[in-house]
Amino acid sequence: MNDTTARMRAIVVAAWGGAEGLRETELPRPAPGPGEILVRVHAAGVNATDWKQRTSGGLGLWADPPIVGWDASGTVEATGLGVTLFREGDEVFGMPRFPHQAGAYAEYVAAPARHFARKPPQIDHIHAAALPLVSLTAWQALFDTAQLKPGQRVLSHAAAGGFGHIAVQIAKTHGAHVVATARRHKHAFLRGLGADHLIDYTITDFTTAVRDVDIVLDPVGGDYGPRSLDVLRKGGTLVSLASPADDALKPHATALGLHAGFMLVEPDNAALAAVADLAATGRLHAAVERVFPLSEAATAHRLGETGRTTGKIVLRVRE
């Protein structure tokens, strides 16, 4: 794929800040380098990190022009030098290059082959695109960071959101007892995913409702981290996912005999393949609240920023 005249549609950040700064434009189609594949994107997942980085100006890791998005599901269009993992026509999904720019809100993405896995044939591209970032975050938080063991108690905050509802399911498939915080009208949804104990955080302080937790997953930030230390049993782990500032909790947590810190997800072919197996066998399902066309990425961001969605938002890139 060396046709430098080939073009594609993409969503770029024309101005950092509000969702109005997102623009659909036409750009040269990328070509796969050595060890890379070119993916024709069918759908792109929308994640909180997308609008957070759009608002803050990114992490200084974005290219020019800055194309939004990391979650992608699509078809391999071409392979670069040395790639043996995939062939043209394979259906794949992944979270390439994070936290560097991937550019998933586009018709084509070129990225390292091992930042993708085969899409389970049992699910469509919309639901596959909803999985990579949140499922890899949950997997790495639970197993790599907190070393979850069967029978342990896991507290998942904001459990009905994009990350939370996936974390609940992954924890349950590995034998955890899951405590979840969410508004009451979302409790039935979470029970259906396997949550064992539900707390309506709008009327109940979770620190009064749960104790002796082994692992806390906190995608919220703010005072949730310090308060979560109070519900952990000795040796327990708080995994903060909202802000690097949460690393400030480490000394206090250590003094209490606990572990705490901020975790940043990274591409992980082996974990993504394990996630694909869970999805293929029906043990993991991404709930998709809304699907928008690529051209309505700004509307999708505005909806996500309300913090009231259940599950994920996805952009349909290929009709």
Protein backbone atom coordinates (compact mmCIF):
# COMPACT_ATOMS: atom_id res chain seq x y z
CA MET A 1 0.00 0.00 0.00
CA ASN A 2 2.30 2.70 -1.28
CA ASP A 3 -0.27 4.83 -3.11
CA THR A 4 0.47 8.25 -1.67
CA THR A 5 -2.56 9.68 -3.50
CA ALA A 6 -5.01 7.49 -1.56
CA ARG A 7 -7.09 9.48 0.93
CA MET A 8 -9.24 8.74 3.97
CA ARG A 9 -11.72 10.47 6.26
CA ALA A 10 -10.55 11.15 9.81
CA ILE A 11 -11.56 13.13 12.90
CA VAL A 12 -8.87 15.55 14.04
CA VAL A 13 -8.53 18.00 16.90
CA ALA A 14 -8.58 21.34 15.10
CA ALA A 15 -8.55 23.18 18.44
CA TRP A 16 -7.81 21.69 21.86
CA GLY A 17 -10.64 22.12 24.36
CA GLY A 18 -14.34 21.49 23.81
CA ALA A 19 -15.95 18.95 21.51
CA GLU A 20 -16.55 21.72 18.96
CA GLY A 21 -12.82 21.51 18.23
CA LEU A 22 -13.27 18.14 16.53
CA ARG A 23 -13.35 18.28 12.74
CA GLU A 24 -13.87 15.70 10.01
CA THR A 25 -11.22 16.07 7.34
CA GLU A 26 -9.56 14.18 4.52
CA LEU A 27 -5.97 13.02 4.95
CA PRO A 28 -3.46 10.78 3.15
CA ARG A 29 -4.04 7.11 3.87
CA PRO A 30 -1.19 5.67 5.99
CA ALA A 31 1.02 2.82 4.83
CA PRO A 32 2.17 -0.03 7.09
CA GLY A 33 5.83 0.04 8.06
CA PRO A 34 7.95 -2.98 9.00
CA GLY A 35 6.12 -5.10 11.57
CA GLU A 36 2.88 -3.18 11.00
CA ILE A 37 -0.51 -3.83 9.47
CA LEU A 38 -2.89 -1.46 7.73
CA VAL A 39 -6.41 -1.90 9.09
CA ARG A 40 -9.52 -0.72 7.29
CA VAL A 41 -11.53 0.46 10.27
CA HIS A 42 -15.17 -0.59 10.52
CA ALA A 43 -15.84 0.84 14.00
CA ALA A 44 -14.01 2.88 16.62
CA GLY A 45 -14.70 2.81 20.35
CA VAL A 46 -15.11 6.05 22.30
CA ASN A 47 -13.38 6.23 25.69
CA ALA A 48 -13.11 8.78 28.48
CA THR A 49 -9.42 9.24 27.71
CA ASP A 50 -10.42 10.48 24.24
CA TRP A 51 -12.26 13.53 25.51
CA LYS A 52 -9.94 14.04 28.49
CA GLN A 53 -6.94 14.34 26.19
CA ARG A 54 -8.92 16.45 23.71
CA THR A 55 -9.69 18.82 26.58
CA SER A 56 -6.22 18.92 28.11
CA GLY A 57 -4.16 19.09 24.94
CA GLY A 58 -3.02 15.50 25.06
CA LEU A 59 0.10 14.10 26.72
CA GLY A 60 2.51 15.73 24.30
CA LEU A 61 2.56 12.44 22.36
CA TRP A 62 0.15 13.28 19.55
CA ALA A 63 1.20 13.59 15.92
CA ASP A 64 0.33 16.36 13.48
CA PRO A 65 -2.50 16.41 12.67
CA PRO A 66 -3.85 14.94 15.93
CA ILE A 67 -6.29 12.16 14.99
CA VAL A 68 -8.48 11.03 17.90
CA GLY A 69 -9.12 7.50 19.17
CA TRP A 70 -7.48 4.21 20.13
CA ASP A 71 -10.09 1.45 19.94
CA ALA A 72 -10.48 0.00 16.45
CA SER A 73 -12.07 -3.03 14.85
CA GLY A 74 -11.69 -3.75 11.17
CA THR A 75 -10.11 -5.77 8.37
CA VAL A 76 -6.44 -6.12 7.50
CA GLU A 77 -5.92 -4.26 4.22
CA ALA A 78 -2.16 -4.78 3.90
CA THR A 79 0.82 -6.08 5.88
CA GLY A 80 4.25 -4.56 6.31
CA LEU A 81 7.63 -6.18 6.07
CA GLY A 82 8.08 -9.21 8.31
CA VAL A 83 4.47 -9.56 9.49
CA THR A 84 3.40 -13.20 9.87
CA LEU A 85 0.68 -12.89 12.51
CA PHE A 86 -2.05 -11.67 10.12
CA ARG A 87 -2.90 -11.77 6.44
CA GLU A 88 -4.90 -9.49 4.21
CA GLY A 89 -8.60 -9.99 4.90
CA ASP A 90 -8.24 -11.03 8.56
CA GLU A 91 -10.66 -9.35 10.95
CA VAL A 92 -8.86 -7.78 13.91
CA PHE A 93 -9.45 -5.48 16.85
CA GLY A 94 -7.07 -3.63 19.13
CA MET A 95 -5.82 -0.58 21.01
CA PRO A 96 -2.68 0.32 19.07
CA ARG A 97 0.13 2.60 20.24
CA PHE A 98 -1.52 3.84 23.48
CA PRO A 99 -0.74 6.37 24.91
CA HIS A 100 0.86 7.55 21.66
CA GLN A 101 -1.47 8.53 18.85
CA ALA A 102 -3.24 5.67 17.10
CA GLY A 103 -5.79 7.66 15.11
CA ALA A 104 -8.69 5.21 15.37
CA TYR A 105 -11.33 7.78 14.41
CA ALA A 106 -10.39 7.27 10.77
CA GLU A 107 -11.05 4.96 7.85
CA TYR A 108 -7.58 3.42 8.11
CA VAL A 109 -5.04 2.79 10.88
CA ALA A 110 -1.46 1.59 10.47
CA ALA A 111 0.12 0.16 13.62
CA PRO A 112 2.24 -2.71 14.98
CA ALA A 113 0.64 -6.07 14.21
CA ARG A 114 0.97 -7.28 17.78
CA HIS A 115 -1.12 -4.37 19.05
CA PHE A 116 -4.09 -6.26 17.57
CA ALA A 117 -5.75 -9.65 18.03
CA ARG A 118 -8.18 -11.58 15.87
CA LYS A 119 -11.73 -10.34 16.24
CA PRO A 120 -13.99 -13.08 17.60
CA PRO A 121 -16.31 -14.10 14.74
CA GLN A 122 -19.17 -14.36 17.24
CA ILE A 123 -19.34 -10.57 17.70
CA ASP A 124 -19.67 -7.74 15.19
CA HIS A 125 -17.25 -4.87 14.65
CA ILE A 126 -19.35 -2.46 16.74
CA HIS A 127 -19.08 -4.62 19.86
CA ALA A 128 -15.47 -5.57 19.15
CA ALA A 129 -14.51 -1.88 18.92
CA ALA A 130 -16.06 -1.30 22.34
CA LEU A 131 -13.72 -3.76 24.04
CA PRO A 132 -9.96 -3.15 23.69
CA LEU A 133 -9.06 -0.19 25.92
CA VAL A 134 -11.48 -0.92 28.75
CA SER A 135 -10.92 -4.68 28.73
CA LEU A 136 -7.14 -4.36 28.64
CA THR A 137 -7.30 -1.81 31.44
CA ALA A 138 -9.42 -4.16 33.55
CA TRP A 139 -7.23 -7.17 32.75
CA GLN A 140 -3.96 -5.43 33.55
CA ALA A 141 -5.38 -3.81 36.69
CA LEU A 142 -6.83 -7.03 38.07
CA PHE A 143 -4.13 -9.53 37.12
CA ASP A 144 -0.85 -7.74 36.39
CA THR A 145 -1.17 -5.05 39.07
CA ALA A 146 -3.44 -6.47 41.80
CA GLN A 147 -2.82 -10.20 41.12
CA LEU A 148 -6.45 -11.20 41.58
CA LYS A 149 -7.11 -14.65 43.04
CA PRO A 150 -10.40 -16.59 43.06
CA GLY A 151 -12.58 -15.73 46.04
CA GLN A 152 -11.16 -12.25 46.57
CA ARG A 153 -13.42 -9.23 47.00
CA VAL A 154 -13.26 -6.54 44.30
CA LEU A 155 -14.85 -3.10 44.58
CA SER A 156 -15.49 -1.52 41.19
CA HIS A 157 -16.47 2.17 41.21
CA ALA A 158 -18.66 3.65 38.45
CA ALA A 159 -19.42 0.05 37.59
CA ALA A 160 -22.07 0.67 34.93
CA GLY A 161 -19.74 2.80 32.79
CA GLY A 162 -17.58 1.77 29.87
CA PHE A 163 -14.71 0.49 31.99
CA GLY A 164 -16.72 -0.58 35.02
CA HIS A 165 -19.15 -2.98 33.37
CA ILE A 166 -16.28 -4.79 31.66
CA ALA A 167 -14.25 -4.95 34.88
CA VAL A 168 -17.22 -6.52 36.70
CA GLN A 169 -17.46 -9.28 34.11
CA ILE A 170 -13.74 -10.03 33.93
CA ALA A 171 -13.50 -10.19 37.72
CA LYS A 172 -16.50 -12.55 37.90
CA THR A 173 -15.10 -14.89 35.26
CA HIS A 174 -12.09 -15.35 37.53
CA GLY A 175 -14.02 -16.16 40.68
CA ALA A 176 -14.14 -12.77 42.44
CA HIS A 177 -16.88 -11.49 44.71
CA VAL A 178 -17.74 -8.15 43.10
CA VAL A 179 -19.05 -5.07 44.90
CA ALA A 180 -20.19 -2.35 42.49
CA THR A 181 -21.15 1.30 42.93
CA ALA A 182 -23.74 2.79 40.57
CA ARG A 183 -27.01 4.69 40.58
CA ARG A 184 -29.94 2.53 41.65
CA HIS A 185 -31.61 2.39 38.22
CA LYS A 186 -28.48 0.64 36.90
CA HIS A 187 -28.41 -2.07 39.55
CA ALA A 188 -30.48 -4.58 37.56
CA PHE A 189 -28.06 -4.20 34.63
CA LEU A 190 -25.09 -4.90 36.91
CA ARG A 191 -26.76 -7.88 38.59
CA GLY A 192 -27.21 -9.31 35.11
CA LEU A 193 -23.45 -9.06 34.65
CA GLY A 194 -22.79 -10.92 37.90
CA ALA A 195 -22.23 -8.16 40.48
CA ASP A 196 -22.79 -9.59 43.97
CA HIS A 197 -23.32 -6.44 46.06
CA LEU A 198 -24.67 -3.13 44.73
CA ILE A 199 -24.25 0.28 46.37
CA ASP A 200 -26.13 3.39 45.24
CA TYR A 201 -23.41 5.99 45.74
CA THR A 202 -25.94 8.84 45.52
CA ILE A 203 -27.55 7.86 48.83
CA THR A 204 -24.99 5.62 50.54
CA ASP A 205 -21.36 6.33 51.43
CA PHE A 206 -19.60 3.22 50.18
CA THR A 207 -17.15 3.38 53.09
CA THR A 208 -20.05 2.56 55.43
CA ALA A 209 -21.41 -0.25 53.26
CA VAL A 210 -18.40 -2.44 52.52
CA ARG A 211 -15.28 -3.64 54.33
CA ASP A 212 -12.39 -6.08 53.90
CA VAL A 213 -11.99 -5.54 50.17
CA ASP A 214 -8.93 -7.02 48.45
CA ILE A 215 -8.92 -4.84 45.31
CA VAL A 216 -10.46 -1.46 44.50
CA LEU A 217 -10.71 -0.25 40.90
CA ASP A 218 -11.09 3.54 40.77
CA PRO A 219 -11.76 5.20 37.39
CA VAL A 220 -13.36 8.22 39.12
CA GLY A 221 -10.50 9.98 40.95
CA GLY A 222 -10.92 12.91 43.31
CA ASP A 223 -11.65 11.80 46.86
CA TYR A 224 -12.55 8.26 45.77
CA GLY A 225 -8.95 7.11 46.14
CA PRO A 226 -8.36 8.29 49.72
CA ARG A 227 -11.78 7.04 50.81
CA SER A 228 -11.21 3.68 49.13
CA LEU A 229 -8.16 3.02 51.30
CA ASP A 230 -10.55 2.81 54.26
CA VAL A 231 -12.34 -0.26 52.87
CA LEU A 232 -9.27 -2.31 51.95
CA ARG A 233 -8.05 -5.16 54.09
CA LYS A 234 -4.35 -5.25 55.00
CA GLY A 235 -2.32 -6.15 51.94
CA GLY A 236 -5.10 -4.92 49.64
CA THR A 237 -4.58 -2.93 46.45
CA LEU A 238 -6.09 0.30 45.15
CA VAL A 239 -5.65 0.69 41.39
CA SER A 240 -6.23 4.31 40.37
CA LEU A 241 -7.12 4.83 36.73
CA ALA A 242 -8.22 8.47 36.61
CA SER A 243 -5.17 10.60 37.26
CA PRO A 244 -1.39 10.32 37.78
CA ALA A 245 -1.93 12.59 40.79
CA ASP A 246 -3.30 9.54 42.59
CA ASP A 247 0.27 8.30 42.98
CA ALA A 248 0.40 10.73 45.91
CA LEU A 249 -1.56 8.11 47.86
CA LYS A 250 1.34 5.65 47.83
CA PRO A 251 3.09 6.76 51.07
CA HIS A 252 -0.17 6.77 53.06
CA ALA A 253 -1.19 3.41 51.63
CA THR A 254 2.21 1.91 52.48
CA ALA A 255 1.92 3.16 56.06
CA LEU A 256 -1.41 1.33 56.31
CA GLY A 257 0.01 -1.91 54.91
CA LEU A 258 -1.72 -1.38 51.55
CA HIS A 259 -0.71 -0.94 47.92
CA ALA A 260 -1.89 1.99 45.79
CA GLY A 261 -0.97 3.82 42.63
CA PHE A 262 -1.92 5.03 39.18
CA MET A 263 -1.93 2.54 36.30
CA LEU A 264 -1.69 3.37 32.60
CA VAL A 265 -2.89 0.68 30.20
CA GLU A 266 -0.60 -0.51 27.41
CA PRO A 267 -1.02 -2.62 24.26
CA ASP A 268 -0.93 -6.33 25.12
CA ASN A 269 -1.48 -8.97 22.45
CA ALA A 270 -1.68 -11.91 24.87
CA ALA A 271 -4.24 -10.23 27.14
CA LEU A 272 -6.28 -9.07 24.14
CA ALA A 273 -6.35 -12.63 22.83
CA ALA A 274 -7.63 -13.77 26.25
CA VAL A 275 -10.31 -11.06 26.10
CA ALA A 276 -11.27 -12.27 22.62
CA ASP A 277 -11.71 -15.79 24.00
CA LEU A 278 -14.01 -14.52 26.76
CA ALA A 279 -16.08 -12.62 24.19
CA ALA A 280 -16.19 -15.58 21.80
CA THR A 281 -17.52 -17.88 24.52
CA GLY A 282 -20.13 -15.40 25.77
CA ARG A 283 -18.44 -14.70 29.10
CA LEU A 284 -17.73 -11.06 28.22
CA HIS A 285 -20.12 -8.69 26.50
CA ALA A 286 -19.70 -5.00 25.76
CA ALA A 287 -22.92 -3.09 26.33
CA VAL A 288 -23.21 -0.39 23.66
CA GLU A 289 -25.51 2.49 24.55
CA ARG A 290 -25.22 4.50 21.33
CA VAL A 291 -23.67 4.18 17.90
CA PHE A 292 -22.87 7.36 15.96
CA PRO A 293 -21.51 7.81 12.45
CA LEU A 294 -17.90 8.96 12.30
CA SER A 295 -19.02 12.45 11.28
CA GLU A 296 -20.82 12.83 14.63
CA ALA A 297 -17.78 12.24 16.83
CA ALA A 298 -18.32 15.57 18.60
CA THR A 299 -21.87 14.53 19.56
CA ALA A 300 -20.52 11.22 20.85
CA HIS A 301 -17.98 13.07 23.02
CA ARG A 302 -20.64 15.36 24.45
CA LEU A 303 -22.76 12.37 25.42
CA GLY A 304 -19.79 10.62 27.02
CA GLU A 305 -18.85 13.70 28.99
CA THR A 306 -22.22 13.65 30.79
CA GLY A 307 -20.95 10.65 32.77
CA ARG A 308 -24.41 9.10 32.62
CA THR A 309 -24.00 6.49 29.91
CA THR A 310 -24.36 2.76 30.50
CA GLY A 311 -21.62 0.81 28.78
CA LYS A 312 -19.85 2.16 25.71
CA ILE A 313 -20.32 4.61 22.86
CA VAL A 314 -19.05 3.53 19.42
CA LEU A 315 -18.47 5.30 16.10
CA ARG A 316 -19.49 3.46 12.94
CA VAL A 317 -16.75 4.19 10.42
CA ARG A 318 -17.70 1.86 7.57
CA GLU A 319 -21.37 1.47 6.66
